[in-house]
Protein backbone atom coordinates (compact mmCIF):
# COMPACT_ATOMS: atom_id res chain seq x y z
CA MET A 1 119.62 124.03 104.50
CA THR A 2 118.14 124.76 101.02
CA ARG A 3 114.25 125.27 100.83
CA SER A 4 111.78 126.91 98.94
CA VAL A 5 108.14 128.06 99.44
CA GLN A 6 105.30 125.71 98.44
CA ALA A 7 102.19 127.72 97.51
CA LEU A 8 99.00 125.89 97.92
CA ALA A 9 95.74 127.25 96.54
CA TYR A 10 92.22 125.74 97.49
CA ALA A 11 88.98 126.99 96.30
CA ARG A 12 87.56 126.76 99.97
CA PRO A 13 88.55 125.33 103.17
CA SER A 14 88.15 121.42 103.80
CA SER A 15 85.11 120.90 106.14
CA LEU A 16 82.64 118.39 107.57
CA GLU A 17 79.16 119.77 107.06
CA SER A 18 75.56 118.39 107.16
CA SER A 19 74.05 117.64 103.71
CA GLN A 20 70.98 115.75 102.46
CA VAL A 21 72.73 112.60 102.46
CA GLY A 22 73.88 113.13 106.13
CA PRO A 23 77.38 114.29 107.32
CA SER A 24 79.49 115.23 104.32
CA LEU A 25 83.52 115.38 104.56
CA GLY A 26 84.68 117.41 101.74
CA LEU A 27 88.40 117.39 101.21
CA GLU A 28 89.47 120.60 98.93
CA THR A 29 92.48 119.75 96.57
CA SER A 30 95.26 121.88 95.46
CA GLY A 31 96.82 121.55 91.90
CA GLY A 32 98.32 118.00 90.70
CA LEU A 33 98.69 115.77 87.70
CA THR A 34 95.99 113.58 86.31
CA PRO A 35 95.80 111.30 83.35
CA ARG A 36 94.17 114.49 81.77
CA GLY A 37 97.25 116.59 82.70
CA VAL A 38 97.67 119.27 85.26
CA GLU A 39 94.34 120.34 87.08
CA ALA A 40 94.01 123.45 89.41
CA HIS A 41 91.61 121.45 91.70
CA PRO A 42 91.54 117.76 90.61
CA ARG A 43 88.52 115.64 91.68
CA PHE A 44 89.31 111.95 92.83
CA PHE A 45 86.47 110.65 94.70
CA ALA A 46 82.58 111.09 95.77
CA GLY A 47 80.96 108.39 97.67
CA PHE A 48 80.69 106.93 101.21
CA LEU A 49 83.24 105.56 103.74
CA SER A 50 82.54 102.11 104.95
CA ASP A 51 83.96 102.84 108.45
CA PRO A 52 83.88 106.53 108.97
CA ARG A 53 85.21 106.80 112.39
CA THR A 54 88.11 104.60 111.45
CA ALA A 55 88.90 106.58 108.41
CA ALA A 56 88.60 110.00 110.29
CA ARG A 57 91.23 108.75 112.86
CA GLY A 58 93.58 107.51 110.12
CA LEU A 59 93.44 110.89 108.39
CA LEU A 60 94.15 112.48 111.73
CA ALA A 61 96.95 110.36 112.19
CA VAL A 62 98.58 111.30 108.92
CA ALA A 63 97.92 114.97 109.69
CA ASP A 64 99.52 114.48 113.11
CA VAL A 65 102.74 113.41 111.60
CA ALA A 66 102.63 116.11 108.88
CA ALA A 67 102.66 118.66 111.76
CA ALA A 68 105.15 116.93 114.00
CA ARG A 69 108.81 117.52 114.73
CA TYR A 70 110.18 114.56 116.72
CA TYR A 71 113.69 115.98 116.99
CA GLN A 72 114.50 119.57 117.66
CA ARG A 73 110.86 120.53 118.32
CA THR A 74 111.03 124.00 117.14
CA LEU A 75 110.12 125.95 114.07
CA PRO A 76 106.98 123.75 113.44
CA ALA A 77 106.37 123.26 109.70
CA SER A 78 103.29 121.23 108.29
CA LEU A 79 102.72 120.59 104.69
CA ASP A 80 99.30 119.57 103.91
CA PRO A 81 98.85 115.59 103.20
CA VAL A 82 99.16 114.48 99.65
CA VAL A 83 96.40 112.02 98.33
CA THR A 84 96.64 109.80 95.41
CA GLY A 85 94.01 108.27 93.67
CA ASN A 86 94.97 104.63 92.13
CA GLY A 87 91.73 103.68 90.55
CA ASP A 88 90.85 101.18 93.18
CA ARG A 89 92.01 103.08 96.48
CA LEU A 90 93.00 106.45 98.01
CA ARG A 91 96.37 107.00 99.59
CA PHE A 92 97.17 109.79 102.05
CA GLU A 93 100.58 110.37 102.79
CA SER A 94 102.75 112.82 104.84
CA PHE A 95 106.09 113.45 106.11
CA SER A 96 107.12 114.87 109.55
CA GLY A 97 108.91 118.27 109.62
CA CYS A 98 111.99 116.62 111.00
CA CYS A 99 112.15 114.14 107.96
CA GLY A 100 112.34 111.06 110.30
CA VAL A 101 108.82 109.79 110.05
CA TYR A 102 106.81 108.80 106.70
CA ALA A 103 103.05 108.10 107.28
CA ARG A 104 100.39 106.60 104.87
CA LEU A 105 96.77 105.76 105.16
CA ASP A 106 95.59 103.46 102.33
CA VAL A 107 91.84 103.45 102.10
CA LEU A 108 91.21 100.40 100.14
CA GLN A 109 88.50 99.55 97.80
CA GLU A 110 86.63 97.73 100.42
CA GLY A 111 86.65 100.89 102.47
CA LEU A 112 85.05 103.00 99.70
CA ASP A 113 81.47 102.89 98.57
CA GLY A 114 81.36 105.17 95.29
CA ARG A 115 80.92 105.10 91.65
CA GLU A 116 84.77 105.33 90.93
CA THR A 117 87.99 106.34 92.28
CA GLY A 118 89.91 108.81 90.03
CA HIS A 119 93.57 108.72 89.05
CA GLY A 120 96.18 111.30 90.01
CA THR A 121 97.92 113.12 93.00
CA THR A 122 97.23 116.38 94.74
CA ASN A 123 97.63 118.13 98.33
CA VAL A 124 94.35 118.25 100.47
CA ASP A 125 93.33 120.91 103.08
CA VAL A 126 93.41 119.47 106.54
CA ASN A 127 92.81 122.78 108.48
CA PRO A 128 92.34 123.15 112.29
CA PRO A 129 88.58 123.40 112.29
CA LEU A 130 88.58 120.33 110.08
CA ARG A 131 90.86 118.29 112.43
CA GLU A 132 88.61 119.38 115.59
CA ALA A 133 85.46 118.17 113.44
CA LEU A 134 87.10 114.74 112.53
CA SER A 135 87.95 114.17 116.21
CA ARG A 136 84.41 114.20 117.13
CA ILE A 137 83.16 111.53 114.77
CA THR A 138 82.40 108.65 117.15
CA ALA A 139 79.53 106.80 115.45
CA ASP A 140 79.54 104.65 112.27
CA ASP A 141 76.83 106.64 110.79
CA PRO A 142 77.10 106.99 107.02
CA LEU A 143 79.67 109.57 106.02
CA HIS A 144 79.81 110.89 102.48
CA LEU A 145 83.51 111.67 101.41
CA ARG A 146 84.27 114.28 98.58
CA VAL A 147 87.80 114.56 97.36
CA GLY A 148 87.98 117.41 95.24
CA PRO A 149 85.27 120.10 94.32
CA GLU A 150 81.76 119.45 94.10
CA GLU A 151 80.61 118.24 90.54
CA MET A 152 78.58 121.29 89.98
CA ALA A 153 81.25 123.67 90.94
CA VAL A 154 84.16 122.25 88.76
CA THR A 155 83.57 124.85 86.09
CA THR A 156 82.85 127.72 88.34
CA LEU A 157 85.90 128.03 90.52
CA ASP A 158 86.82 131.47 89.59
CA GLY A 159 86.47 133.19 92.90
CA PRO A 160 88.83 133.75 95.58
CA VAL A 161 90.90 130.99 96.68
CA VAL A 162 92.16 129.82 100.14
CA GLU A 163 96.02 130.18 100.00
CA LYS A 164 98.67 128.56 102.05
CA LYS A 165 102.47 129.23 101.92
CA VAL A 166 104.77 126.57 103.81
CA PRO A 167 108.52 126.07 103.50
CA LEU A 168 109.42 122.99 101.58
CA PRO A 169 113.05 122.04 102.32
CA ASP A 170 114.95 119.85 99.99
CA ARG A 171 115.83 117.37 102.72
CA TRP A 172 112.12 116.85 103.07
CA LEU A 173 111.89 115.86 99.29
CA ARG A 174 114.72 113.77 99.47
CA GLY A 175 113.34 111.98 102.58
CA PHE A 176 110.16 110.87 100.54
CA ALA A 177 112.44 109.10 98.04
CA GLU A 178 114.84 107.47 100.74
CA ALA A 179 111.71 106.19 102.65
CA GLN A 180 110.63 104.29 99.44
CA VAL A 181 113.91 102.97 98.79
CA ALA A 182 114.24 101.96 102.47
CA SER A 183 111.06 100.10 102.32
CA ALA A 184 111.75 98.21 99.20
CA ARG A 185 114.32 96.27 101.16
CA PHE A 186 111.97 95.25 104.11
CA ASP A 187 110.45 91.92 104.91
CA LEU A 188 107.69 91.01 107.28
CA ARG A 189 109.26 90.37 110.67
CA ALA A 190 106.26 89.99 112.98
CA GLU A 191 102.53 90.00 112.93
CA LEU A 192 100.47 90.46 116.15
CA THR A 193 96.66 90.17 116.67
CA ALA A 194 94.57 93.11 117.69
CA ALA A 195 94.81 92.37 121.29
CA GLN A 196 98.54 92.01 121.16
CA ALA A 197 99.05 95.15 119.05
CA VAL A 198 97.22 97.16 121.48
CA ALA A 199 99.06 95.85 124.54
CA PHE A 200 102.53 96.68 122.86
CA LEU A 201 101.73 100.04 121.27
CA ARG A 202 100.25 101.18 124.59
CA SER A 203 103.31 100.04 126.56
CA LEU A 204 105.43 102.56 124.40
CA PRO A 205 106.33 105.95 125.62
CA ARG A 206 104.28 108.90 124.12
CA SER A 207 106.93 111.33 124.47
CA PRO A 208 110.77 111.34 124.57
CA SER A 209 112.55 110.75 128.02
CA SER A 210 113.65 113.97 129.69
CA GLY A 211 112.15 116.07 127.07
CA ARG A 212 114.72 114.95 124.51
CA SER A 213 114.55 112.44 121.63
CA THR A 214 115.91 108.92 122.58
CA HIS A 215 119.18 108.18 120.88
CA GLY A 216 120.76 104.79 119.95
CA ALA A 217 119.13 101.85 118.57
CA ARG A 218 116.53 99.89 120.21
CA TRP A 219 115.40 96.33 119.11
CA VAL A 220 112.40 94.02 119.33
CA VAL A 221 111.82 90.38 118.56
CA ALA A 222 108.70 88.40 118.07
CA SER A 223 108.17 86.08 121.02
CA GLY A 224 105.26 84.51 122.62
CA GLY A 225 102.54 86.44 120.59
CA THR A 226 104.24 89.71 121.34
CA LEU A 227 107.32 91.80 120.92
CA ARG A 228 109.84 91.82 123.46
CA PRO A 229 112.91 94.10 123.92
CA THR A 230 116.38 92.71 123.01
CA THR A 231 119.74 94.23 123.27
CA ARG A 232 121.31 91.90 120.75
CA PRO A 233 119.50 91.77 117.48
CA GLY A 234 119.51 88.25 116.09
CA PRO A 235 117.51 86.79 113.38
CA GLY A 236 114.07 88.49 112.94
CA ALA A 237 114.87 91.26 115.18
CA VAL A 238 113.57 94.82 114.18
CA CYS A 239 114.81 98.19 114.99
CA LEU A 240 112.56 100.37 116.90
CA PRO A 241 114.45 103.87 117.15
CA GLY A 242 112.55 106.54 118.97
CA PRO A 243 109.48 104.46 119.91
CA GLU A 244 107.62 107.67 120.98
CA ARG A 245 107.49 108.40 117.16
CA LEU A 246 104.60 105.73 116.94
CA VAL A 247 102.28 107.78 118.87
CA ALA A 248 100.23 108.66 116.03
CA LEU A 249 99.16 104.86 115.90
CA GLN A 250 97.43 105.45 119.06
CA ARG A 251 94.56 107.25 117.28
CA VAL A 252 93.40 103.91 115.47
CA LEU A 253 94.23 101.17 117.87
CA ARG A 254 90.35 100.85 118.93
CA ASP A 255 89.76 99.82 115.26
CA ALA A 256 93.02 97.70 114.78
CA THR A 257 92.81 94.14 113.48
CA ALA A 258 96.40 93.35 113.34
CA LEU A 259 99.79 94.94 113.70
CA ARG A 260 102.56 93.94 110.90
CA VAL A 261 106.26 94.85 111.52
CA TYR A 262 108.64 95.28 108.56
CA GLY A 263 112.49 95.69 108.69
CA PRO A 264 115.74 94.48 106.88
CA VAL A 265 118.04 91.86 107.93
CA ALA A 266 119.28 92.91 111.32
CA ASP A 267 123.23 93.27 111.31
CA GLY A 268 123.49 95.06 114.56
CA ALA A 269 123.58 98.63 113.21
CA ALA A 270 120.47 100.90 113.49
CA ALA A 271 118.01 100.69 110.84
CA ALA A 272 114.39 101.85 109.65
CA SER A 273 111.58 99.98 110.10
CA ALA A 274 107.89 100.12 109.16
CA TRP A 275 104.77 99.48 111.27
CA GLU A 276 101.57 98.78 109.72
CA VAL A 277 98.19 98.77 111.54
CA VAL A 278 95.58 96.91 109.55
CA LEU A 279 92.12 98.24 109.94
CA PRO A 280 88.63 97.53 108.28
CA GLY A 281 89.21 98.33 104.67
CA MET A 282 92.14 100.35 105.24
CA ARG A 283 96.02 100.31 106.50
CA LEU A 284 97.76 102.99 108.32
CA THR A 285 101.88 102.65 108.10
CA LEU A 286 104.41 104.67 109.81
CA THR A 287 107.96 104.40 108.55
CA LEU A 288 110.66 105.43 111.11
CA SER A 289 114.34 106.47 110.13
CA PRO A 290 117.17 104.66 111.91
CA ASP A 291 117.30 107.32 114.72
CA SER A 292 115.27 110.08 116.03
CA SER A 293 117.88 112.61 115.23
CA ARG A 294 118.55 111.14 111.78
CA GLY A 295 116.24 112.09 108.96
CA PHE A 296 115.77 109.97 105.90
CA SER A 297 117.29 112.66 103.72
CA GLY A 298 120.80 111.79 104.41
CA GLU A 299 120.53 107.92 104.16
CA GLY A 300 121.90 107.71 100.49
CA GLY A 301 119.88 104.86 99.19
CA VAL A 302 118.96 106.54 96.01
CA LEU A 303 122.56 107.75 95.00
CA GLU A 304 123.76 104.63 93.06
CA ALA A 305 120.59 104.96 90.91
CA LEU A 306 121.32 108.75 90.34
CA ALA A 307 124.88 108.34 89.31
CA THR A 308 124.26 106.52 85.88
CA ASP A 309 123.09 107.68 82.50
CA ASP A 310 121.56 104.28 82.00
CA ALA A 311 119.12 104.60 84.91
CA ALA A 312 118.05 108.28 83.64
CA ALA A 313 117.31 106.78 80.38
CA ASP A 314 115.47 103.75 81.71
CA ALA A 315 113.66 105.89 83.98
CA GLU A 316 112.16 107.76 80.97
CA LEU A 317 111.09 104.54 79.28
CA VAL A 318 109.63 102.97 82.37
CA SER A 319 107.73 106.09 83.29
CA VAL A 320 105.26 105.77 80.35
CA LEU A 321 104.32 102.38 81.57
CA LEU A 322 103.26 103.52 84.98
CA ALA A 323 99.73 104.34 84.02
CA TRP A 324 98.60 105.27 87.63
CA GLU A 325 98.64 101.59 88.63
CA PRO A 326 98.24 100.66 92.36
CA ARG A 327 100.42 97.66 91.97
CA ILE A 328 103.59 97.98 89.87
CA GLU A 329 105.59 94.68 89.46
CA PRO A 330 109.41 95.22 88.34
CA ALA A 331 108.94 91.62 86.54
CA SER A 332 106.01 92.91 84.61
CA LEU A 333 107.82 96.32 83.73
CA ALA A 334 110.92 94.47 82.57
CA GLU A 335 108.71 92.24 80.20
CA GLN A 336 107.11 95.46 78.82
CA SER A 337 110.14 97.49 78.68
CA GLY A 338 112.67 94.81 77.47
CA LEU A 339 115.00 95.74 80.37
CA GLY A 340 116.40 93.47 82.90
CA VAL A 341 114.86 93.44 86.27
CA GLU A 342 117.76 95.08 88.14
CA ARG A 343 117.63 97.90 85.51
CA VAL A 344 113.90 98.41 86.12
CA ARG A 345 114.56 98.42 90.08
CA ALA A 346 117.20 101.22 89.45
CA ALA A 347 114.66 103.26 87.26
CA LEU A 348 112.07 103.01 89.75
CA THR A 349 114.46 104.18 92.46
CA ARG A 350 115.25 107.14 90.08
CA LEU A 351 111.58 107.74 89.62
CA GLY A 352 110.95 107.61 93.32
CA THR A 353 113.47 110.49 93.82
CA ALA A 354 111.19 112.50 91.66
CA GLY A 355 108.42 111.42 93.55
CA ARG A 356 106.75 109.48 90.94
CA VAL A 357 106.56 106.00 92.73
CA GLY A 358 105.97 104.77 96.00
CA TYR A 359 106.28 101.45 97.68
CA ASP A 360 103.64 99.41 99.53
CA LEU A 361 104.77 96.92 102.00
CA ALA A 362 101.50 94.99 102.32
CA ASP A 363 101.47 94.46 98.49
CA ALA A 364 105.22 94.12 97.97
CA ALA A 365 105.02 96.33 95.21
CA TYR A 366 105.46 99.73 93.98
CA PHE A 367 102.70 102.31 93.11
CA HIS A 368 102.19 105.32 90.85
CA ARG A 369 101.85 108.84 91.97
CA GLU A 370 103.12 112.16 91.09
CA LEU A 371 103.98 114.41 93.95
CA PRO A 372 102.62 118.07 93.35
CA TYR A 373 105.93 119.74 93.52
CA ASP A 374 109.22 120.31 91.91
CA ALA A 375 110.77 116.84 93.24
CA ASP A 376 113.61 117.05 90.67
CA ARG A 377 115.18 119.54 93.11
CA ALA A 378 115.81 116.59 95.30
CA GLU A 379 118.24 115.31 92.69
CA ARG A 380 119.61 118.64 91.69
CA HIS A 381 120.62 119.62 95.26
CA ASN A 382 121.60 116.31 96.86
CA PRO A 383 124.81 117.32 98.55
CA ARG A 384 126.69 114.06 97.96
CA LEU A 385 125.64 113.83 94.23
CA VAL A 386 126.44 117.49 93.68
CA ALA A 387 129.76 117.08 95.24
CA ALA A 388 130.64 113.85 93.17
CA ARG A 389 129.59 115.53 90.01
CA ARG A 390 131.86 118.27 90.84
CA LEU A 391 134.73 116.07 91.49
CA VAL A 392 133.96 114.34 88.04
CA GLY A 393 134.08 117.65 86.24
CA GLU A 394 137.34 118.54 87.93
CA GLY A 395 138.94 115.49 86.79
CA ALA A 396 139.79 114.61 90.12
CA VAL A 397 139.29 110.77 89.69
CA SER A 398 142.29 108.70 88.64
CA LEU A 399 141.52 104.95 88.06
CA ASP A 400 144.13 102.19 88.50
CA GLY A 401 142.33 98.74 88.06
CA ALA A 402 140.05 98.07 91.17
CA ARG A 403 141.63 101.04 92.85
CA ALA A 404 141.04 104.72 92.37
CA THR A 405 142.43 108.10 93.78
CA VAL A 406 140.25 111.01 94.24
CA ALA A 407 141.81 114.49 94.85
CA SER A 408 139.47 116.55 97.07
CA GLY A 409 141.01 119.94 98.29
CA ASP A 410 144.58 119.04 99.68
CA ARG A 411 143.99 115.43 100.25
CA ARG A 412 143.88 112.25 98.19
CA TYR A 413 141.34 109.70 99.00
CA GLN A 414 141.85 105.85 98.02
CA VAL A 415 138.74 104.21 96.93
CA ARG A 416 138.64 100.26 96.30
CA GLU A 417 135.75 98.42 94.61
CA THR A 418 135.05 94.98 94.63
CA GLY A 419 131.89 94.01 92.68
CA SER A 420 129.20 96.20 94.19
CA ALA A 421 131.18 96.68 97.40
CA PHE A 422 133.52 99.64 98.12
CA THR A 423 135.98 101.35 100.53
CA CYS A 424 137.43 104.63 100.87
CA THR A 425 139.99 106.43 103.22
CA CYS A 426 137.74 109.34 103.95
CA GLN A 427 135.91 110.02 107.30
CA TRP A 428 132.42 109.27 106.03
CA TRP A 429 133.41 105.75 105.30
CA ALA A 430 135.14 105.50 108.56
CA ASP A 431 131.75 106.66 110.49
CA TYR A 432 129.27 104.57 108.24
CA ARG A 433 130.80 101.81 106.50
CA GLY A 434 128.59 102.09 103.57
CA ARG A 435 125.39 101.93 105.79
CA ARG A 436 124.39 105.34 104.57
CA GLY A 437 125.09 104.90 100.78
CA PRO A 438 128.35 105.72 99.16
CA CYS A 439 130.57 108.66 99.98
CA LYS A 440 131.14 111.33 97.39
CA HIS A 441 134.56 109.90 96.42
CA ALA A 442 133.03 106.39 95.68
CA LEU A 443 130.20 107.95 93.99
CA ALA A 444 132.33 109.97 91.65
CA VAL A 445 134.43 106.71 91.03
CA ARG A 446 131.30 105.02 89.94
CA MET A 447 130.19 107.69 87.95
CA VAL A 448 133.81 107.79 86.05
CA ARG A 449 133.74 104.03 85.64
CA ARG A 450 130.18 104.01 84.16
CA GLY A 451 130.82 106.94 81.97
CA ALA A 452 127.97 108.95 83.51
CA THR A 453 127.83 112.68 82.36
CA VAL A 454 128.15 115.49 85.10
CA ALA A 455 124.69 116.94 84.16
CA GLY A 456 122.89 113.55 83.95
CA GLY A 457 119.40 113.64 85.87
CA VAL A 458 115.74 112.94 85.46
CA ARG A 459 113.91 115.52 83.49
């Protein structure tokens, strides 16, 4: 597995301290992009949290996911959460070490009481002493939040820094992109009241049975004000793979006002799903991959957008229109850019691969962020994309009307396209039937048909 080392440098550890205004939570930042350019320690917010206890528990839930591996629970790895300032809210994001769970806490405008919320994205330090301090917040006394260095210290950060070096696998980067693509295809399937949500979530297992992750698809369907298990996914059913992976939501159940469940149209195959707990002035969302043993990185939802030069050029055009907006509507971007809505969606998918947009299910809209690492690696090292480009470069694709032959090693594979659908005679197609994106042979055929260059990519 290809990986690099991500070096994080903080001016000091994040901490919860006493101050003249009462308890003060200082979240230190480590590099990131803002409207002013790259900053070593960007500053996004200084003010009060309207619901300190809930915010503390939500932040701990995001940190829980960052530190977790829900499959093959060895080699623990934890990358500090990412925070994005979108002008009217703060978004805290993390991804599990096994690449199967994406978490996001949105602290909305009504949950913040400050002069302004900045724009940009950075990592924030969440260290063990801070976690312990956050877990002790039980009252609703005023809590001051600072994201970034103190105002008076912004120009004096020349001393020693706190450094962290953590592994950053390419599949973790691809997972961020794939989770966003999957979410954009979800619809709201069920909404439970606070009491119903608590009863349902507390009925789920907190750990895998027999010490192992649960394999195979489980399904639930809205019925009588709750979610009941079903073995035959019908209309409105939602896949719940590895239910123990929702354990992080237990931290905020006391303050939940509702639970919203999102998923794609059920077709009988295991699918990703999203579980959103609505909180006072906040939302906590966990998005689960289709199986505990199956990370988002191999889902292939981004490959179509990466295989065309049009999407690369469109992404460059669309990127200048993002402007750190908390809600990005494809129709509005289409009007501003002069592109069709579908081309804008493909461009957003490509930008998502570079960590430059995410998707908010509650708003049914994209949002702008710039992940603070070299996310372009996720494209450059995507195994199927790399293999498809190699096949194109070797001249391995022969077109014959709607059919194509792809020479790979000592074998010849037959690819047939009908509109946006395709079939292939390879084992990947036999195993997944297109549910995890195109195989490398179909991807190579589409690249040749569309005239994509072998070296195309987001820059």
